[in-house]
Structure formats: structure tokens, C-alpha cells
Amino acid sequence: MNPHEPLFWLVIITAIIAVSFLVIAAAMIAMAAYVNRAVKTVTRLEEKVDPLINRANAISEQAQGIAVQGRRIAEQFHVMSGHLSTATENLAESTALIKEEVRGIMALADETAEMAHEKVHMVSRAIDTTHERVMDTTEFIQRKVIEPARELAAVLAGVRRGLEVLVAPAPGSFGRARAQPS
């Protein structure tokens, strides 16, 4: 191929576009893998947190049961009531702390999923923008380079043909020139 032909540049631009699309596809695959890992991490985190929540609820229910029993025992054993109340309060505080930590972990997981979602949208917008720019560039090259090059080639072909007609010897003049003595 000759670099002075428009087809050569069209092939080069097409190759650049193909490489761009391959890079975009690789980026999308990488983002999909990242999102998949984030989803798996969130799922594992939920699986680990669910037993903690169940345990915290069970502890909370047990704490409430202990509080009721503590009141009954307090009526019978006034001295023991102070110790049982303190134990119940500590247990309730521990349960509240566990619930608060679980809420924090869930909030972190939600933020991570939201961030991954935003990144996927950002990559999608970047791909759309790149595609628009590639299409605009292709249209610009078509309009400003290839079409004028075709028109110029047609004009040059006409000029060449015209010169061939003008420079060509007249029909039959070759034989008459020999027949005449000089």
C-alpha cells in the first residue's frame, strides 16, 4: 500500500478504531471482574454478618428474659439484684455495640456497592463518549479527506485524459509525414 492513497489512511484509521474497541472491551471485562469481586465480597460479608445479627437478637431476647427474672429474684433476694442488673446492663450495652458495628459494616458494604455501580456508569459514559468521538472523526475524515481526494483524483484523471488527447498525434498524420519528401 502506498501512504499517498486514501485507502491506506482509511485502513490505518480502521485499525486504530479496532484497537480502541479492544481496549474498551478489556476495560469493561476488568470492571465486570471488579464488580463481581465486590458482589462476592458483599455476599460473604452478609453471610458472616447474618449469624452475628441472629446471635445479637438472641442475646437481646435473653437479656430481656434475664431482666424479667432479675426483677423476680430482686423481690426475693434484694442483695443479688444489684449484681444482676449490672450484668444485664453490660449485656445490653454489648448487644448495642455489636448492632452498631454490624450497621457500620452494612453501611460500608452499601457504600462499596454504590461506588462500584458509579464506576461502571462512569466507564459506560467514557465508552459512549469515545464511540461518539470515533464516529465524528471518521465522518470528518470521510468529508474532509476522502471525498475531496476522490474528487481530485477524478479531476486529475480528466486532465490526464485531456493531455493524452492533446499530445497524441492526429490520426493518419504519421503516415503522411513519411510520404512527403523533406
Protein backbone atom coordinates (compact mmCIF):
# COMPACT_ATOMS: atom_id res chain seq x y z
CA MET A 1 0.00 0.00 0.00
CA ASN A 2 1.10 3.49 -0.75
CA PRO A 3 0.81 6.07 2.04
CA HIS A 4 -0.28 8.60 -0.57
CA GLU A 5 -3.52 6.70 -1.26
CA PRO A 6 -6.62 7.49 0.79
CA LEU A 7 -7.34 3.78 1.24
CA PHE A 8 -4.05 3.39 3.14
CA TRP A 9 -5.12 6.01 5.72
CA LEU A 10 -8.61 4.53 5.92
CA VAL A 11 -7.04 1.15 6.79
CA ILE A 12 -4.80 2.80 9.42
CA ILE A 13 -7.77 4.63 10.99
CA THR A 14 -9.85 1.44 10.96
CA ALA A 15 -7.01 -0.41 12.73
CA ILE A 16 -6.80 2.35 15.36
CA ILE A 17 -10.56 2.13 15.88
CA ALA A 18 -10.37 -1.66 16.22
CA VAL A 19 -7.56 -1.39 18.80
CA SER A 20 -9.61 1.24 20.69
CA PHE A 21 -12.60 -1.08 20.82
CA LEU A 22 -10.36 -3.91 22.07
CA VAL A 23 -9.05 -1.65 24.84
CA ILE A 24 -12.61 -0.63 25.71
CA ALA A 25 -13.69 -4.29 25.81
CA ALA A 26 -10.74 -5.14 28.07
CA ALA A 27 -11.68 -2.26 30.39
CA MET A 28 -15.28 -3.45 30.52
CA ILE A 29 -14.14 -7.01 31.33
CA ALA A 30 -11.87 -5.68 34.08
CA MET A 31 -14.70 -3.59 35.54
CA ALA A 32 -17.04 -6.59 35.37
CA ALA A 33 -14.46 -8.67 37.25
CA TYR A 34 -14.08 -5.88 39.84
CA VAL A 35 -17.84 -5.61 40.29
CA ASN A 36 -18.11 -9.41 40.52
CA ARG A 37 -15.44 -9.46 43.25
CA ALA A 38 -17.22 -6.64 45.10
CA VAL A 39 -20.52 -8.52 44.91
CA LYS A 40 -18.86 -11.71 46.16
CA THR A 41 -17.24 -9.77 49.00
CA VAL A 42 -20.56 -8.20 49.97
CA THR A 43 -22.23 -11.61 49.82
CA ARG A 44 -19.54 -13.17 52.03
CA LEU A 45 -19.83 -10.23 54.40
CA GLU A 46 -23.60 -10.67 54.60
CA GLU A 47 -23.15 -14.39 55.25
CA LYS A 48 -20.78 -13.59 58.10
CA VAL A 49 -22.91 -10.77 59.49
CA ASP A 50 -26.24 -12.65 59.44
CA PRO A 51 -25.19 -15.07 62.20
CA LEU A 52 -23.94 -12.11 64.25
CA ILE A 53 -27.28 -10.35 63.88
CA ASN A 54 -29.16 -13.52 64.78
CA ARG A 55 -26.88 -14.03 67.74
CA ALA A 56 -27.30 -10.38 68.77
CA ASN A 57 -31.08 -10.73 68.58
CA ALA A 58 -30.93 -13.94 70.60
CA ILE A 59 -28.68 -12.23 73.14
CA SER A 60 -31.09 -9.29 73.26
CA GLU A 61 -34.02 -11.62 73.87
CA GLN A 62 -32.04 -13.48 76.50
CA ALA A 63 -31.09 -10.18 78.10
CA GLN A 64 -34.74 -9.19 78.29
CA GLY A 65 -35.55 -12.58 79.83
CA ILE A 66 -32.77 -12.16 82.34
CA ALA A 67 -34.08 -8.69 83.22
CA VAL A 68 -37.52 -10.15 83.95
CA GLN A 69 -36.03 -12.93 86.02
CA GLY A 70 -33.81 -10.42 87.74
CA ARG A 71 -36.82 -8.45 88.87
CA ARG A 72 -38.40 -11.59 90.28
CA ILE A 73 -35.22 -12.56 92.03
CA ALA A 74 -34.79 -8.98 93.28
CA GLU A 75 -38.02 -9.31 95.14
CA GLN A 76 -36.75 -12.45 96.81
CA PHE A 77 -33.05 -11.60 97.03
CA HIS A 78 -32.63 -7.88 97.28
CA VAL A 79 -28.88 -8.10 97.68
CA MET A 80 -28.41 -10.09 94.46
CA SER A 81 -30.47 -7.65 92.39
CA GLY A 82 -27.71 -5.05 92.11
CA HIS A 83 -25.28 -7.55 90.60
CA LEU A 84 -27.80 -8.98 88.16
CA SER A 85 -28.89 -5.51 87.00
CA THR A 86 -25.28 -4.57 86.30
CA ALA A 87 -24.75 -7.79 84.31
CA THR A 88 -27.92 -7.15 82.31
CA GLU A 89 -26.88 -3.59 81.52
CA ASN A 90 -23.45 -4.72 80.38
CA LEU A 91 -25.04 -7.35 78.18
CA ALA A 92 -27.42 -4.80 76.68
CA GLU A 93 -24.55 -2.39 76.03
CA SER A 94 -22.56 -5.16 74.39
CA THR A 95 -25.55 -6.03 72.22
CA ALA A 96 -25.98 -2.37 71.27
CA LEU A 97 -22.28 -2.12 70.41
CA ILE A 98 -22.48 -5.28 68.29
CA LYS A 99 -25.56 -3.97 66.49
CA GLU A 100 -23.85 -0.63 65.90
CA GLU A 101 -20.76 -2.37 64.48
CA VAL A 102 -22.96 -4.52 62.23
CA ARG A 103 -24.75 -1.38 60.98
CA GLY A 104 -21.36 0.19 60.25
CA ILE A 105 -20.25 -2.89 58.31
CA MET A 106 -23.51 -2.93 56.35
CA ALA A 107 -23.15 0.79 55.58
CA LEU A 108 -19.59 0.16 54.35
CA ALA A 109 -20.81 -2.69 52.16
CA ASP A 110 -23.56 -0.46 50.73
CA GLU A 111 -21.05 2.32 50.01
CA THR A 112 -18.73 -0.17 48.29
CA ALA A 113 -21.55 -1.48 46.09
CA GLU A 114 -22.68 2.07 45.27
CA MET A 115 -19.13 3.11 44.40
CA ALA A 116 -18.73 0.08 42.12
CA HIS A 117 -22.05 0.97 40.47
CA GLU A 118 -20.89 4.56 39.91
CA LYS A 119 -17.59 3.35 38.41
CA VAL A 120 -19.45 1.08 35.98
CA HIS A 121 -21.62 4.04 34.91
CA MET A 122 -18.52 6.20 34.53
CA VAL A 123 -16.83 3.61 32.29
CA SER A 124 -20.05 3.27 30.28
CA ARG A 125 -20.17 7.03 29.75
CA ALA A 126 -16.48 7.04 28.75
CA ILE A 127 -17.14 4.30 26.21
CA ASP A 128 -20.12 6.21 24.79
CA THR A 129 -18.05 9.40 24.55
CA THR A 130 -15.17 7.55 22.87
CA HIS A 131 -17.55 5.95 20.40
CA GLU A 132 -19.08 9.34 19.56
CA ARG A 133 -15.65 10.86 19.03
CA VAL A 134 -14.54 7.96 16.83
CA MET A 135 -17.69 8.32 14.73
CA ASP A 136 -17.20 12.12 14.49
CA THR A 137 -13.54 11.64 13.48
CA THR A 138 -14.48 9.03 10.88
CA GLU A 139 -17.15 11.32 9.44
CA PHE A 140 -14.74 14.27 9.43
CA ILE A 141 -12.05 12.27 7.61
CA GLN A 142 -14.64 10.99 5.14
CA ARG A 143 -15.93 14.50 4.49
CA LYS A 144 -12.63 16.45 4.55
CA VAL A 145 -10.07 13.93 3.22
CA ILE A 146 -11.55 11.02 1.28
CA GLU A 147 -14.31 12.83 -0.63
CA PRO A 148 -12.00 15.71 -1.74
CA ALA A 149 -9.32 13.12 -2.63
CA ARG A 150 -11.81 11.26 -4.84
CA GLU A 151 -12.88 14.49 -6.49
CA LEU A 152 -9.22 15.47 -7.04
CA ALA A 153 -8.48 12.02 -8.47
CA ALA A 154 -11.41 12.39 -10.88
CA VAL A 155 -10.24 15.86 -11.93
CA LEU A 156 -6.65 14.63 -12.40
CA ALA A 157 -7.89 11.68 -14.44
CA GLY A 158 -9.83 14.10 -16.66
CA VAL A 159 -6.80 16.37 -17.03
CA ARG A 160 -4.59 13.37 -17.84
CA ARG A 161 -7.04 12.15 -20.46
CA GLY A 162 -7.29 15.63 -21.90
CA LEU A 163 -3.49 15.88 -22.12
CA GLU A 164 -3.31 12.48 -23.77
CA VAL A 165 -5.80 13.63 -26.38
CA LEU A 166 -3.97 16.93 -26.95
CA VAL A 167 -0.47 15.42 -27.09
CA ALA A 168 -1.41 12.36 -29.14
CA PRO A 169 -0.60 12.61 -32.85
CA ALA A 170 -3.53 13.20 -35.12
CA PRO A 171 -4.87 10.03 -36.71
CA GLY A 172 -3.30 9.39 -40.07
CA SER A 173 -0.69 12.15 -39.77
CA PHE A 174 2.08 9.65 -39.06
CA GLY A 175 1.80 8.04 -42.46
CA ARG A 176 1.55 11.37 -44.35
CA ALA A 177 4.64 12.76 -42.76
CA ARG A 178 6.76 9.93 -44.26
CA ALA A 179 5.19 10.19 -47.65
CA GLN A 180 6.25 13.83 -48.15
CA PRO A 181 9.90 14.39 -49.02
CA SER A 182 11.76 16.88 -46.87
